[in-house]
Amino acid sequence: MRLASLTIPALAGLALVSIFTGAATLDVSRLFSDPQALWLIAVSRLPRTAAALIAGASLAVAGVIMQMLARNRFVEPATAGTAQSAGLGLVLVTLLAPGAALWAKMGVATLTSLVGTGLFLALVRRLPPSQPLLVPLTGIVFGGIVGAAETFLAYESDLLQYIGVWMSGEFSGVMLGRYEYLWIAGLLAAAAYLYADRFTIAGMGEDVSRALGLNYGQAMALGLAIVSVITAVTVVTVGMIPFVGLVVPNIVARIMGENLRASLPVVAATGAGLVLACDIGGRLIIHPYEIPVGTILGILGAVIFLWLLYARPAHAR
């Protein structure tokens, strides 16, 4: 597959550009003789590049898993209430235990995102299968309700500034020692590949799954756990990054089909490249200032989503 063969060189090129892009200029000819340049790369540029790659890959994988569980191609964590539920958990733990450690906040955010995602899937199960667009509309409404509750609690507690940080994905604050929790999301995304066949079968529906001998409830629980943890870790570490889990799986599915065993690595690589490219663009558009990657993806993702709605799908090869 041509797409698969292009992803690794493209990611390597983007990573190299990311390392040498920023407010401070690096002299390539004096790189190894300048200790300050090496320190900047080790402490800031490499962690930021790694964070963008891991976050993009993980969110793309979480998106495709959620689409399989919901049996709808127009949902992702940011449009199904999962990310908003994680934000609500952050608000609650900040109110109840302001001095809680980051791992505790991440645990509460995971729990609330798990509950929120479960409620969303329970809602969409009642929708008629002949109206697929009702699923994303339900997710948007559900996410809006959860987000409204989150904003109300933040407003009453003077935490609106924190909500703005959590809900606007950006990598400017990523440094060595402040992004490592993202590796949890990366490991879960890699683990999802081991269960790719089960998620593919689960996407065919409960009756077909049971007929093929799959424990449907177990597959659903595993998928919910992976999506919830990835979303919570990403929101806590770098904020909410929209549309990655929506547009990337759809684009890859149009080219490679629905078999996750074959397409999941390409989904992860494409998501990583998309987020890193948008992060680089955010650093260059108004250099030396930055535009959050969530803002760029909000615009670009909306355009791609509209194209996906109106463009004629290509045949899988």
C-alpha atoms as a PDB file:
ATOM      1  CA  MET A   1       0.000   0.000   0.000  1.00  0.00           C
ATOM      2  CA  ARG A   2       1.433   3.278  -1.114  1.00  0.00           C
ATOM      3  CA  LEU A   3       0.002   5.188   1.850  1.00  0.00           C
ATOM      4  CA  ALA A   4       1.718   2.893   4.343  1.00  0.00           C
ATOM      5  CA  SER A   5       5.076   3.241   2.587  1.00  0.00           C
ATOM      6  CA  LEU A   6       4.901   7.032   2.690  1.00  0.00           C
ATOM      7  CA  THR A   7       4.004   7.507   6.357  1.00  0.00           C
ATOM      8  CA  ILE A   8       7.350   6.652   7.963  1.00  0.00           C
ATOM      9  CA  PRO A   9       9.492   8.968   5.760  1.00  0.00           C
ATOM     10  CA  ALA A  10       6.891  11.714   6.161  1.00  0.00           C
ATOM     11  CA  LEU A  11       6.924  11.358   9.952  1.00  0.00           C
ATOM     12  CA  ALA A  12      10.719  11.417  10.026  1.00  0.00           C
ATOM     13  CA  GLY A  13      10.786  14.583   7.930  1.00  0.00           C
ATOM     14  CA  LEU A  14       8.162  16.294  10.076  1.00  0.00           C
ATOM     15  CA  ALA A  15      10.012  15.332  13.253  1.00  0.00           C
ATOM     16  CA  LEU A  16      13.220  16.842  11.897  1.00  0.00           C
ATOM     17  CA  VAL A  17      11.428  20.063  10.941  1.00  0.00           C
ATOM     18  CA  SER A  18       9.783  20.197  14.379  1.00  0.00           C
ATOM     19  CA  ILE A  19      13.103  19.907  16.193  1.00  0.00           C
ATOM     20  CA  PHE A  20      14.518  22.917  14.325  1.00  0.00           C
ATOM     21  CA  THR A  21      11.349  25.051  14.447  1.00  0.00           C
ATOM     22  CA  GLY A  22      10.710  27.469  17.280  1.00  0.00           C
ATOM     23  CA  ALA A  23      11.252  30.933  18.682  1.00  0.00           C
ATOM     24  CA  ALA A  24      14.944  30.230  19.283  1.00  0.00           C
ATOM     25  CA  THR A  25      17.050  29.665  16.158  1.00  0.00           C
ATOM     26  CA  LEU A  26      19.353  26.648  16.077  1.00  0.00           C
ATOM     27  CA  ASP A  27      22.551  26.711  14.031  1.00  0.00           C
ATOM     28  CA  VAL A  28      22.863  23.286  12.444  1.00  0.00           C
ATOM     29  CA  SER A  29      26.578  23.745  11.729  1.00  0.00           C
ATOM     30  CA  ARG A  30      27.318  24.357  15.421  1.00  0.00           C
ATOM     31  CA  LEU A  31      24.730  22.032  16.860  1.00  0.00           C
ATOM     32  CA  PHE A  32      27.042  19.473  18.466  1.00  0.00           C
ATOM     33  CA  SER A  33      29.514  22.104  19.700  1.00  0.00           C
ATOM     34  CA  ASP A  34      26.864  24.301  21.349  1.00  0.00           C
ATOM     35  CA  PRO A  35      25.768  22.911  24.740  1.00  0.00           C
ATOM     36  CA  GLN A  36      22.851  25.343  24.954  1.00  0.00           C
ATOM     37  CA  ALA A  37      21.476  24.116  21.631  1.00  0.00           C
ATOM     38  CA  LEU A  38      21.757  20.499  22.757  1.00  0.00           C
ATOM     39  CA  TRP A  39      20.060  21.391  26.041  1.00  0.00           C
ATOM     40  CA  LEU A  40      17.202  23.106  24.168  1.00  0.00           C
ATOM     41  CA  ILE A  41      16.686  20.089  21.943  1.00  0.00           C
ATOM     42  CA  ALA A  42      16.786  17.596  24.817  1.00  0.00           C
ATOM     43  CA  VAL A  43      14.576  19.542  27.223  1.00  0.00           C
ATOM     44  CA  SER A  44      12.077  21.213  24.871  1.00  0.00           C
ATOM     45  CA  ARG A  45      12.146  20.331  21.180  1.00  0.00           C
ATOM     46  CA  LEU A  46      12.388  16.517  21.408  1.00  0.00           C
ATOM     47  CA  PRO A  47       9.734  16.212  24.165  1.00  0.00           C
ATOM     48  CA  ARG A  48       7.396  18.492  22.231  1.00  0.00           C
ATOM     49  CA  THR A  49       7.866  16.502  19.034  1.00  0.00           C
ATOM     50  CA  ALA A  50       7.334  13.218  20.871  1.00  0.00           C
ATOM     51  CA  ALA A  51       4.224  14.573  22.628  1.00  0.00           C
ATOM     52  CA  ALA A  52       2.653  15.663  19.330  1.00  0.00           C
ATOM     53  CA  LEU A  53       3.398  12.308  17.698  1.00  0.00           C
ATOM     54  CA  ILE A  54       2.058  10.256  20.608  1.00  0.00           C
ATOM     55  CA  ALA A  55      -1.044  12.404  21.105  1.00  0.00           C
ATOM     56  CA  GLY A  56      -1.924  12.330  17.404  1.00  0.00           C
ATOM     57  CA  ALA A  57      -1.412   8.586  17.044  1.00  0.00           C
ATOM     58  CA  SER A  58      -3.335   7.788  20.240  1.00  0.00           C
ATOM     59  CA  LEU A  59      -6.305  10.025  19.446  1.00  0.00           C
ATOM     60  CA  ALA A  60      -6.568   8.601  15.927  1.00  0.00           C
ATOM     61  CA  VAL A  61      -6.620   5.058  17.325  1.00  0.00           C
ATOM     62  CA  ALA A  62      -9.156   6.060  19.999  1.00  0.00           C
ATOM     63  CA  GLY A  63     -11.326   7.580  17.280  1.00  0.00           C
ATOM     64  CA  VAL A  64     -11.374   4.478  15.112  1.00  0.00           C
ATOM     65  CA  ILE A  65     -12.166   2.268  18.127  1.00  0.00           C
ATOM     66  CA  MET A  66     -15.064   4.524  19.132  1.00  0.00           C
ATOM     67  CA  GLN A  67     -16.378   4.460  15.573  1.00  0.00           C
ATOM     68  CA  MET A  68     -16.326   0.683  15.618  1.00  0.00           C
ATOM     69  CA  LEU A  69     -18.097   0.480  18.988  1.00  0.00           C
ATOM     70  CA  ALA A  70     -20.734   3.048  17.982  1.00  0.00           C
ATOM     71  CA  ARG A  71     -20.965   1.565  14.459  1.00  0.00           C
ATOM     72  CA  ASN A  72     -20.860   5.075  13.044  1.00  0.00           C
ATOM     73  CA  ARG A  73     -18.085   6.836  11.133  1.00  0.00           C
ATOM     74  CA  PHE A  74     -18.996  10.333  12.337  1.00  0.00           C
ATOM     75  CA  VAL A  75     -18.049  10.112  16.023  1.00  0.00           C
ATOM     76  CA  GLU A  76     -14.838  10.605  17.975  1.00  0.00           C
ATOM     77  CA  PRO A  77     -13.950  11.392  21.631  1.00  0.00           C
ATOM     78  CA  ALA A  78     -14.243  15.158  21.128  1.00  0.00           C
ATOM     79  CA  THR A  79     -17.713  14.912  19.546  1.00  0.00           C
ATOM     80  CA  ALA A  80     -19.181  12.175  21.747  1.00  0.00           C
ATOM     81  CA  GLY A  81     -18.831  13.734  25.186  1.00  0.00           C
ATOM     82  CA  THR A  82     -15.723  11.736  26.145  1.00  0.00           C
ATOM     83  CA  ALA A  83     -13.343  14.701  26.210  1.00  0.00           C
ATOM     84  CA  GLN A  84     -15.947  16.921  27.892  1.00  0.00           C
ATOM     85  CA  SER A  85     -16.503  14.245  30.547  1.00  0.00           C
ATOM     86  CA  ALA A  86     -12.755  14.126  31.174  1.00  0.00           C
ATOM     87  CA  GLY A  87     -12.777  17.910  31.608  1.00  0.00           C
ATOM     88  CA  LEU A  88     -15.680  17.607  34.056  1.00  0.00           C
ATOM     89  CA  GLY A  89     -13.645  15.116  36.064  1.00  0.00           C
ATOM     90  CA  LEU A  90     -10.747  17.567  36.185  1.00  0.00           C
ATOM     91  CA  VAL A  91     -13.039  20.282  37.502  1.00  0.00           C
ATOM     92  CA  LEU A  92     -14.484  17.987  40.165  1.00  0.00           C
ATOM     93  CA  VAL A  93     -11.103  16.790  41.418  1.00  0.00           C
ATOM     94  CA  THR A  94      -9.788  20.361  41.428  1.00  0.00           C
ATOM     95  CA  LEU A  95     -12.746  21.453  43.576  1.00  0.00           C
ATOM     96  CA  LEU A  96     -12.711  18.494  45.949  1.00  0.00           C
ATOM     97  CA  ALA A  97      -8.944  17.926  46.191  1.00  0.00           C
ATOM     98  CA  PRO A  98      -7.014  20.954  44.894  1.00  0.00           C
ATOM     99  CA  GLY A  99      -3.671  19.501  45.910  1.00  0.00           C
ATOM    100  CA  ALA A 100      -4.194  16.116  44.269  1.00  0.00           C
ATOM    101  CA  ALA A 101      -1.288  14.675  42.306  1.00  0.00           C
ATOM    102  CA  LEU A 102      -1.414  14.563  38.524  1.00  0.00           C
ATOM    103  CA  TRP A 103      -1.941  10.808  38.496  1.00  0.00           C
ATOM    104  CA  ALA A 104      -4.988  11.245  40.772  1.00  0.00           C
ATOM    105  CA  LYS A 105      -6.467  13.893  38.467  1.00  0.00           C
ATOM    106  CA  MET A 106      -5.830  11.580  35.538  1.00  0.00           C
ATOM    107  CA  GLY A 107      -7.584   8.725  37.326  1.00  0.00           C
ATOM    108  CA  VAL A 108     -10.688  10.806  38.064  1.00  0.00           C
ATOM    109  CA  ALA A 109     -10.725  12.140  34.494  1.00  0.00           C
ATOM    110  CA  THR A 110     -10.505   8.571  33.199  1.00  0.00           C
ATOM    111  CA  LEU A 111     -13.405   7.491  35.394  1.00  0.00           C
ATOM    112  CA  THR A 112     -15.669  10.366  34.308  1.00  0.00           C
ATOM    113  CA  SER A 113     -14.761   9.932  30.635  1.00  0.00           C
ATOM    114  CA  LEU A 114     -15.538   6.203  30.951  1.00  0.00           C
ATOM    115  CA  VAL A 115     -18.962   7.012  32.412  1.00  0.00           C
ATOM    116  CA  GLY A 116     -19.592   9.687  29.777  1.00  0.00           C
ATOM    117  CA  THR A 117     -18.643   7.396  26.901  1.00  0.00           C
ATOM    118  CA  GLY A 118     -20.808   4.608  28.303  1.00  0.00           C
ATOM    119  CA  LEU A 119     -23.787   6.955  28.521  1.00  0.00           C
ATOM    120  CA  PHE A 120     -23.229   8.098  24.944  1.00  0.00           C
ATOM    121  CA  LEU A 121     -23.129   4.526  23.633  1.00  0.00           C
ATOM    122  CA  ALA A 122     -26.280   3.705  25.633  1.00  0.00           C
ATOM    123  CA  LEU A 123     -28.024   6.665  24.013  1.00  0.00           C
ATOM    124  CA  VAL A 124     -27.034   5.836  20.436  1.00  0.00           C
ATOM    125  CA  ARG A 125     -28.154   2.213  20.795  1.00  0.00           C
ATOM    126  CA  ARG A 126     -31.728   3.549  20.895  1.00  0.00           C
ATOM    127  CA  LEU A 127     -31.368   5.502  17.656  1.00  0.00           C
ATOM    128  CA  PRO A 128     -32.700   4.100  14.354  1.00  0.00           C
ATOM    129  CA  PRO A 129     -29.886   2.611  12.243  1.00  0.00           C
ATOM    130  CA  SER A 130     -31.403   4.182   9.133  1.00  0.00           C
ATOM    131  CA  GLN A 131     -30.468   7.671  10.409  1.00  0.00           C
ATOM    132  CA  PRO A 132     -26.654   7.582  10.859  1.00  0.00           C
ATOM    133  CA  LEU A 133     -26.334  11.362  11.207  1.00  0.00           C
ATOM    134  CA  LEU A 134     -28.396  11.243  14.396  1.00  0.00           C
ATOM    135  CA  VAL A 135     -25.435   9.616  16.158  1.00  0.00           C
ATOM    136  CA  PRO A 136     -22.974  12.540  15.812  1.00  0.00           C
ATOM    137  CA  LEU A 137     -25.802  14.998  16.509  1.00  0.00           C
ATOM    138  CA  THR A 138     -26.574  13.118  19.715  1.00  0.00           C
ATOM    139  CA  GLY A 139     -22.891  13.182  20.626  1.00  0.00           C
ATOM    140  CA  ILE A 140     -22.653  16.928  20.034  1.00  0.00           C
ATOM    141  CA  VAL A 141     -25.743  17.584  22.168  1.00  0.00           C
ATOM    142  CA  PHE A 142     -24.568  15.222  24.900  1.00  0.00           C
ATOM    143  CA  GLY A 143     -21.098  16.770  24.883  1.00  0.00           C
ATOM    144  CA  GLY A 144     -22.673  20.225  25.013  1.00  0.00           C
ATOM    145  CA  ILE A 145     -24.670  19.286  28.116  1.00  0.00           C
ATOM    146  CA  VAL A 146     -21.609  17.869  29.862  1.00  0.00           C
ATOM    147  CA  GLY A 147     -19.556  20.879  28.796  1.00  0.00           C
ATOM    148  CA  ALA A 148     -22.234  23.227  30.124  1.00  0.00           C
ATOM    149  CA  ALA A 149     -22.151  21.525  33.524  1.00  0.00           C
ATOM    150  CA  GLU A 150     -18.365  21.725  33.479  1.00  0.00           C
ATOM    151  CA  THR A 151     -18.411  25.433  32.587  1.00  0.00           C
ATOM    152  CA  PHE A 152     -21.027  26.195  35.264  1.00  0.00           C
ATOM    153  CA  LEU A 153     -18.962  24.550  37.995  1.00  0.00           C
ATOM    154  CA  ALA A 154     -15.836  26.325  36.762  1.00  0.00           C
ATOM    155  CA  TYR A 155     -17.621  29.682  36.662  1.00  0.00           C
ATOM    156  CA  GLU A 156     -18.959  29.277  40.182  1.00  0.00           C
ATOM    157  CA  SER A 157     -15.485  28.343  41.433  1.00  0.00           C
ATOM    158  CA  ASP A 158     -13.465  30.862  39.374  1.00  0.00           C
ATOM    159  CA  LEU A 159     -11.823  28.116  37.338  1.00  0.00           C
ATOM    160  CA  LEU A 160     -12.744  29.274  33.842  1.00  0.00           C
ATOM    161  CA  GLN A 161      -9.117  30.002  33.002  1.00  0.00           C
ATOM    162  CA  TYR A 162      -8.195  26.403  33.785  1.00  0.00           C
ATOM    163  CA  ILE A 163     -11.036  25.152  31.596  1.00  0.00           C
ATOM    164  CA  GLY A 164      -9.669  27.218  28.732  1.00  0.00           C
ATOM    165  CA  VAL A 165      -6.278  25.548  29.122  1.00  0.00           C
ATOM    166  CA  TRP A 166      -7.694  22.026  29.368  1.00  0.00           C
ATOM    167  CA  MET A 167     -10.044  22.387  26.424  1.00  0.00           C
ATOM    168  CA  SER A 168      -7.566  24.082  24.067  1.00  0.00           C
ATOM    169  CA  GLY A 169      -4.947  21.612  22.926  1.00  0.00           C
ATOM    170  CA  GLU A 170      -1.460  23.080  22.647  1.00  0.00           C
ATOM    171  CA  PHE A 171       2.123  21.934  23.100  1.00  0.00           C
ATOM    172  CA  SER A 172       3.905  25.143  24.058  1.00  0.00           C
ATOM    173  CA  GLY A 173       4.167  24.058  27.699  1.00  0.00           C
ATOM    174  CA  VAL A 174       5.513  20.588  26.926  1.00  0.00           C
ATOM    175  CA  MET A 175       8.981  20.018  28.345  1.00  0.00           C
ATOM    176  CA  LEU A 176      11.015  17.137  29.687  1.00  0.00           C
ATOM    177  CA  GLY A 177       9.231  15.861  32.776  1.00  0.00           C
ATOM    178  CA  ARG A 178       5.831  17.293  31.790  1.00  0.00           C
ATOM    179  CA  TYR A 179       4.644  14.982  29.032  1.00  0.00           C
ATOM    180  CA  GLU A 180       5.676  11.471  30.071  1.00  0.00           C
ATOM    181  CA  TYR A 181       2.135  10.394  30.986  1.00  0.00           C
ATOM    182  CA  LEU A 182       1.365  10.514  27.271  1.00  0.00           C
ATOM    183  CA  TRP A 183       3.371   7.314  26.910  1.00  0.00           C
ATOM    184  CA  ILE A 184       0.477   5.559  28.670  1.00  0.00           C
ATOM    185  CA  ALA A 185      -1.781   6.622  25.820  1.00  0.00           C
ATOM    186  CA  GLY A 186       0.837   5.504  23.314  1.00  0.00           C
ATOM    187  CA  LEU A 187       1.137   2.062  24.912  1.00  0.00           C
ATOM    188  CA  LEU A 188      -2.639   1.632  24.919  1.00  0.00           C
ATOM    189  CA  ALA A 189      -2.789   2.611  21.254  1.00  0.00           C
ATOM    190  CA  ALA A 190      -0.149  -0.026  20.512  1.00  0.00           C
ATOM    191  CA  ALA A 191      -2.032  -2.583  22.620  1.00  0.00           C
ATOM    192  CA  ALA A 192      -5.188  -1.884  20.602  1.00  0.00           C
ATOM    193  CA  TYR A 193      -3.438  -3.445  17.602  1.00  0.00           C
ATOM    194  CA  LEU A 194      -3.413  -6.788  19.422  1.00  0.00           C
ATOM    195  CA  TYR A 195      -7.216  -6.653  19.633  1.00  0.00           C
ATOM    196  CA  ALA A 196      -7.792  -5.127  16.204  1.00  0.00           C
ATOM    197  CA  ASP A 197      -9.623  -8.179  14.877  1.00  0.00           C
ATOM    198  CA  ARG A 198     -11.990  -8.178  17.858  1.00  0.00           C
ATOM    199  CA  PHE A 199     -12.835  -4.516  17.368  1.00  0.00           C
ATOM    200  CA  THR A 200     -13.456  -5.162  13.674  1.00  0.00           C
ATOM    201  CA  ILE A 201     -15.903  -7.939  14.523  1.00  0.00           C
ATOM    202  CA  ALA A 202     -17.535  -5.849  17.276  1.00  0.00           C
ATOM    203  CA  GLY A 203     -18.151  -3.165  14.667  1.00  0.00           C
ATOM    204  CA  MET A 204     -20.434  -5.600  12.842  1.00  0.00           C
ATOM    205  CA  GLY A 205     -22.937  -5.558  15.704  1.00  0.00           C
ATOM    206  CA  GLU A 206     -23.753  -7.637  18.752  1.00  0.00           C
ATOM    207  CA  ASP A 207     -25.619 -10.427  16.962  1.00  0.00           C
ATOM    208  CA  VAL A 208     -22.910 -11.012  14.373  1.00  0.00           C
ATOM    209  CA  SER A 209     -20.197 -10.813  17.044  1.00  0.00           C
ATOM    210  CA  ARG A 210     -21.831 -13.453  19.206  1.00  0.00           C
ATOM    211  CA  ALA A 211     -22.473 -15.651  16.177  1.00  0.00           C
ATOM    212  CA  LEU A 212     -18.751 -15.526  15.393  1.00  0.00           C
ATOM    213  CA  GLY A 213     -17.871 -16.486  18.978  1.00  0.00           C
ATOM    214  CA  LEU A 214     -16.727 -13.055  20.189  1.00  0.00           C
ATOM    215  CA  ASN A 215     -17.436 -11.980  23.756  1.00  0.00           C
ATOM    216  CA  TYR A 216     -19.157  -8.756  22.732  1.00  0.00           C
ATOM    217  CA  GLY A 217     -19.426  -7.298  26.233  1.00  0.00           C
ATOM    218  CA  GLN A 218     -15.731  -7.869  26.887  1.00  0.00           C
ATOM    219  CA  ALA A 219     -14.754  -6.235  23.592  1.00  0.00           C
ATOM    220  CA  MET A 220     -16.968  -3.237  24.367  1.00  0.00           C
ATOM    221  CA  ALA A 221     -15.506  -2.862  27.860  1.00  0.00           C
ATOM    222  CA  LEU A 222     -11.951  -3.075  26.540  1.00  0.00           C
ATOM    223  CA  GLY A 223     -12.649  -0.527  23.826  1.00  0.00           C
ATOM    224  CA  LEU A 224     -14.301   1.844  26.307  1.00  0.00           C
ATOM    225  CA  ALA A 225     -11.328   1.566  28.651  1.00  0.00           C
ATOM    226  CA  ILE A 226      -8.791   2.292  25.883  1.00  0.00           C
ATOM    227  CA  VAL A 227     -10.742   5.277  24.542  1.00  0.00           C
ATOM    228  CA  SER A 228     -11.353   6.723  28.024  1.00  0.00           C
ATOM    229  CA  VAL A 229      -7.764   6.432  29.232  1.00  0.00           C
ATOM    230  CA  ILE A 230      -6.309   7.848  26.013  1.00  0.00           C
ATOM    231  CA  THR A 231      -8.727  10.788  26.095  1.00  0.00           C
ATOM    232  CA  ALA A 232      -8.166  11.530  29.782  1.00  0.00           C
ATOM    233  CA  VAL A 233      -4.378  11.350  29.521  1.00  0.00           C
ATOM    234  CA  THR A 234      -4.366  13.634  26.493  1.00  0.00           C
ATOM    235  CA  VAL A 235      -6.724  16.208  28.043  1.00  0.00           C
ATOM    236  CA  VAL A 236      -4.768  16.299  31.307  1.00  0.00           C
ATOM    237  CA  THR A 237      -1.384  16.590  29.575  1.00  0.00           C
ATOM    238  CA  VAL A 238      -1.912  18.794  26.504  1.00  0.00           C
ATOM    239  CA  GLY A 239      -5.642  19.606  26.379  1.00  0.00           C
ATOM    240  CA  MET A 240      -8.409  18.572  23.986  1.00  0.00           C
ATOM    241  CA  ILE A 241      -7.371  18.154  20.347  1.00  0.00           C
ATOM    242  CA  PRO A 242     -10.443  17.932  18.075  1.00  0.00           C
ATOM    243  CA  PHE A 243     -11.157  16.114  14.809  1.00  0.00           C
ATOM    244  CA  VAL A 244      -8.069  13.851  14.786  1.00  0.00           C
ATOM    245  CA  GLY A 245     -10.099  10.785  15.727  1.00  0.00           C
ATOM    246  CA  LEU A 246     -12.780  11.741  13.220  1.00  0.00           C
ATOM    247  CA  VAL A 247     -11.066  12.654   9.956  1.00  0.00           C
ATOM    248  CA  VAL A 248      -8.009  10.364  10.061  1.00  0.00           C
ATOM    249  CA  PRO A 249      -9.881   7.020  10.397  1.00  0.00           C
ATOM    250  CA  ASN A 250     -12.330   8.077   7.686  1.00  0.00           C
ATOM    251  CA  ILE A 251      -9.586   9.021   5.228  1.00  0.00           C
ATOM    252  CA  VAL A 252      -7.655   5.803   5.852  1.00  0.00           C
ATOM    253  CA  ALA A 253     -10.843   3.688   5.644  1.00  0.00           C
ATOM    254  CA  ARG A 254     -11.659   5.169   2.239  1.00  0.00           C
ATOM    255  CA  ILE A 255      -8.277   4.018   0.960  1.00  0.00           C
ATOM    256  CA  MET A 256      -7.615   0.780   2.878  1.00  0.00           C
ATOM    257  CA  GLY A 257     -11.042  -0.458   3.926  1.00  0.00           C
ATOM    258  CA  GLU A 258     -12.409  -1.517   7.319  1.00  0.00           C
ATOM    259  CA  ASN A 259      -9.871  -4.178   8.350  1.00  0.00           C
ATOM    260  CA  LEU A 260      -8.223  -2.712  11.473  1.00  0.00           C
ATOM    261  CA  ARG A 261      -5.440  -5.282  11.453  1.00  0.00           C
ATOM    262  CA  ALA A 262      -4.169  -3.778   8.204  1.00  0.00           C
ATOM    263  CA  SER A 263      -5.165  -0.147   8.644  1.00  0.00           C
ATOM    264  CA  LEU A 264      -4.553   0.613  12.343  1.00  0.00           C
ATOM    265  CA  PRO A 265      -0.786   1.295  12.002  1.00  0.00           C
ATOM    266  CA  VAL A 266      -1.518   3.671   9.122  1.00  0.00           C
ATOM    267  CA  VAL A 267      -4.261   5.358  11.165  1.00  0.00           C
ATOM    268  CA  ALA A 268      -1.812   5.913  14.031  1.00  0.00           C
ATOM    269  CA  ALA A 269       0.956   7.207  11.764  1.00  0.00           C
ATOM    270  CA  THR A 270      -1.399   9.517   9.872  1.00  0.00           C
ATOM    271  CA  GLY A 271      -2.830  10.930  13.106  1.00  0.00           C
ATOM    272  CA  ALA A 272       0.668  11.532  14.445  1.00  0.00           C
ATOM    273  CA  GLY A 273       1.707  13.294  11.254  1.00  0.00           C
ATOM    274  CA  LEU A 274      -1.414  15.449  11.144  1.00  0.00           C
ATOM    275  CA  VAL A 275      -1.014  16.734  14.710  1.00  0.00           C
ATOM    276  CA  LEU A 276       2.723  17.340  14.305  1.00  0.00           C
ATOM    277  CA  ALA A 277       2.207  19.175  10.996  1.00  0.00           C
ATOM    278  CA  CYS A 278      -0.457  21.405  12.581  1.00  0.00           C
ATOM    279  CA  ASP A 279       1.825  22.072  15.546  1.00  0.00           C
ATOM    280  CA  ILE A 280       4.626  23.110  13.203  1.00  0.00           C
ATOM    281  CA  GLY A 281       2.195  25.332  11.307  1.00  0.00           C
ATOM    282  CA  GLY A 282       1.081  26.925  14.561  1.00  0.00           C
ATOM    283  CA  ARG A 283       4.686  27.854  15.301  1.00  0.00           C
ATOM    284  CA  LEU A 284       5.296  29.333  11.837  1.00  0.00           C
ATOM    285  CA  ILE A 285       2.120  31.250  10.965  1.00  0.00           C
ATOM    286  CA  ILE A 286       2.748  34.147  13.380  1.00  0.00           C
ATOM    287  CA  HIS A 287       6.368  33.375  14.290  1.00  0.00           C
ATOM    288  CA  PRO A 288       7.787  33.875  16.940  1.00  0.00           C
ATOM    289  CA  TYR A 289       4.352  33.583  18.563  1.00  0.00           C
ATOM    290  CA  GLU A 290       2.218  30.451  18.409  1.00  0.00           C
ATOM    291  CA  ILE A 291      -1.301  29.379  17.516  1.00  0.00           C
ATOM    292  CA  PRO A 292      -2.568  26.410  19.571  1.00  0.00           C
ATOM    293  CA  VAL A 293      -2.720  23.200  17.603  1.00  0.00           C
ATOM    294  CA  GLY A 294      -6.333  22.748  18.730  1.00  0.00           C
ATOM    295  CA  THR A 295      -7.293  25.966  16.954  1.00  0.00           C
ATOM    296  CA  ILE A 296      -5.655  24.933  13.687  1.00  0.00           C
ATOM    297  CA  LEU A 297      -7.157  21.461  13.811  1.00  0.00           C
ATOM    298  CA  GLY A 298     -10.555  22.937  14.636  1.00  0.00           C
ATOM    299  CA  ILE A 299     -10.485  24.819  11.325  1.00  0.00           C
ATOM    300  CA  LEU A 300      -8.705  22.217   9.202  1.00  0.00           C
ATOM    301  CA  GLY A 301     -10.664  19.331  10.693  1.00  0.00           C
ATOM    302  CA  ALA A 302     -13.986  21.035   9.977  1.00  0.00           C
ATOM    303  CA  VAL A 303     -13.005  21.536   6.329  1.00  0.00           C
ATOM    304  CA  ILE A 304     -11.895  17.906   5.963  1.00  0.00           C
ATOM    305  CA  PHE A 305     -15.056  16.707   7.694  1.00  0.00           C
ATOM    306  CA  LEU A 306     -17.239  18.617   5.227  1.00  0.00           C
ATOM    307  CA  TRP A 307     -15.229  17.116   2.379  1.00  0.00           C
ATOM    308  CA  LEU A 308     -15.798  13.633   3.828  1.00  0.00           C
ATOM    309  CA  LEU A 309     -19.527  14.280   3.960  1.00  0.00           C
ATOM    310  CA  TYR A 310     -19.812  15.398   0.343  1.00  0.00           C
ATOM    311  CA  ALA A 311     -16.992  13.594  -1.468  1.00  0.00           C
ATOM    312  CA  ARG A 312     -17.631  10.276  -3.118  1.00  0.00           C
ATOM    313  CA  PRO A 313     -15.775   7.510  -1.242  1.00  0.00           C
ATOM    314  CA  ALA A 314     -12.976   5.723  -3.037  1.00  0.00           C
ATOM    315  CA  HIS A 315     -12.940   1.955  -3.399  1.00  0.00           C
ATOM    316  CA  ALA A 316     -10.696   0.179  -0.895  1.00  0.00           C
ATOM    317  CA  ARG A 317      -7.618  -1.404  -2.398  1.00  0.00           C
END
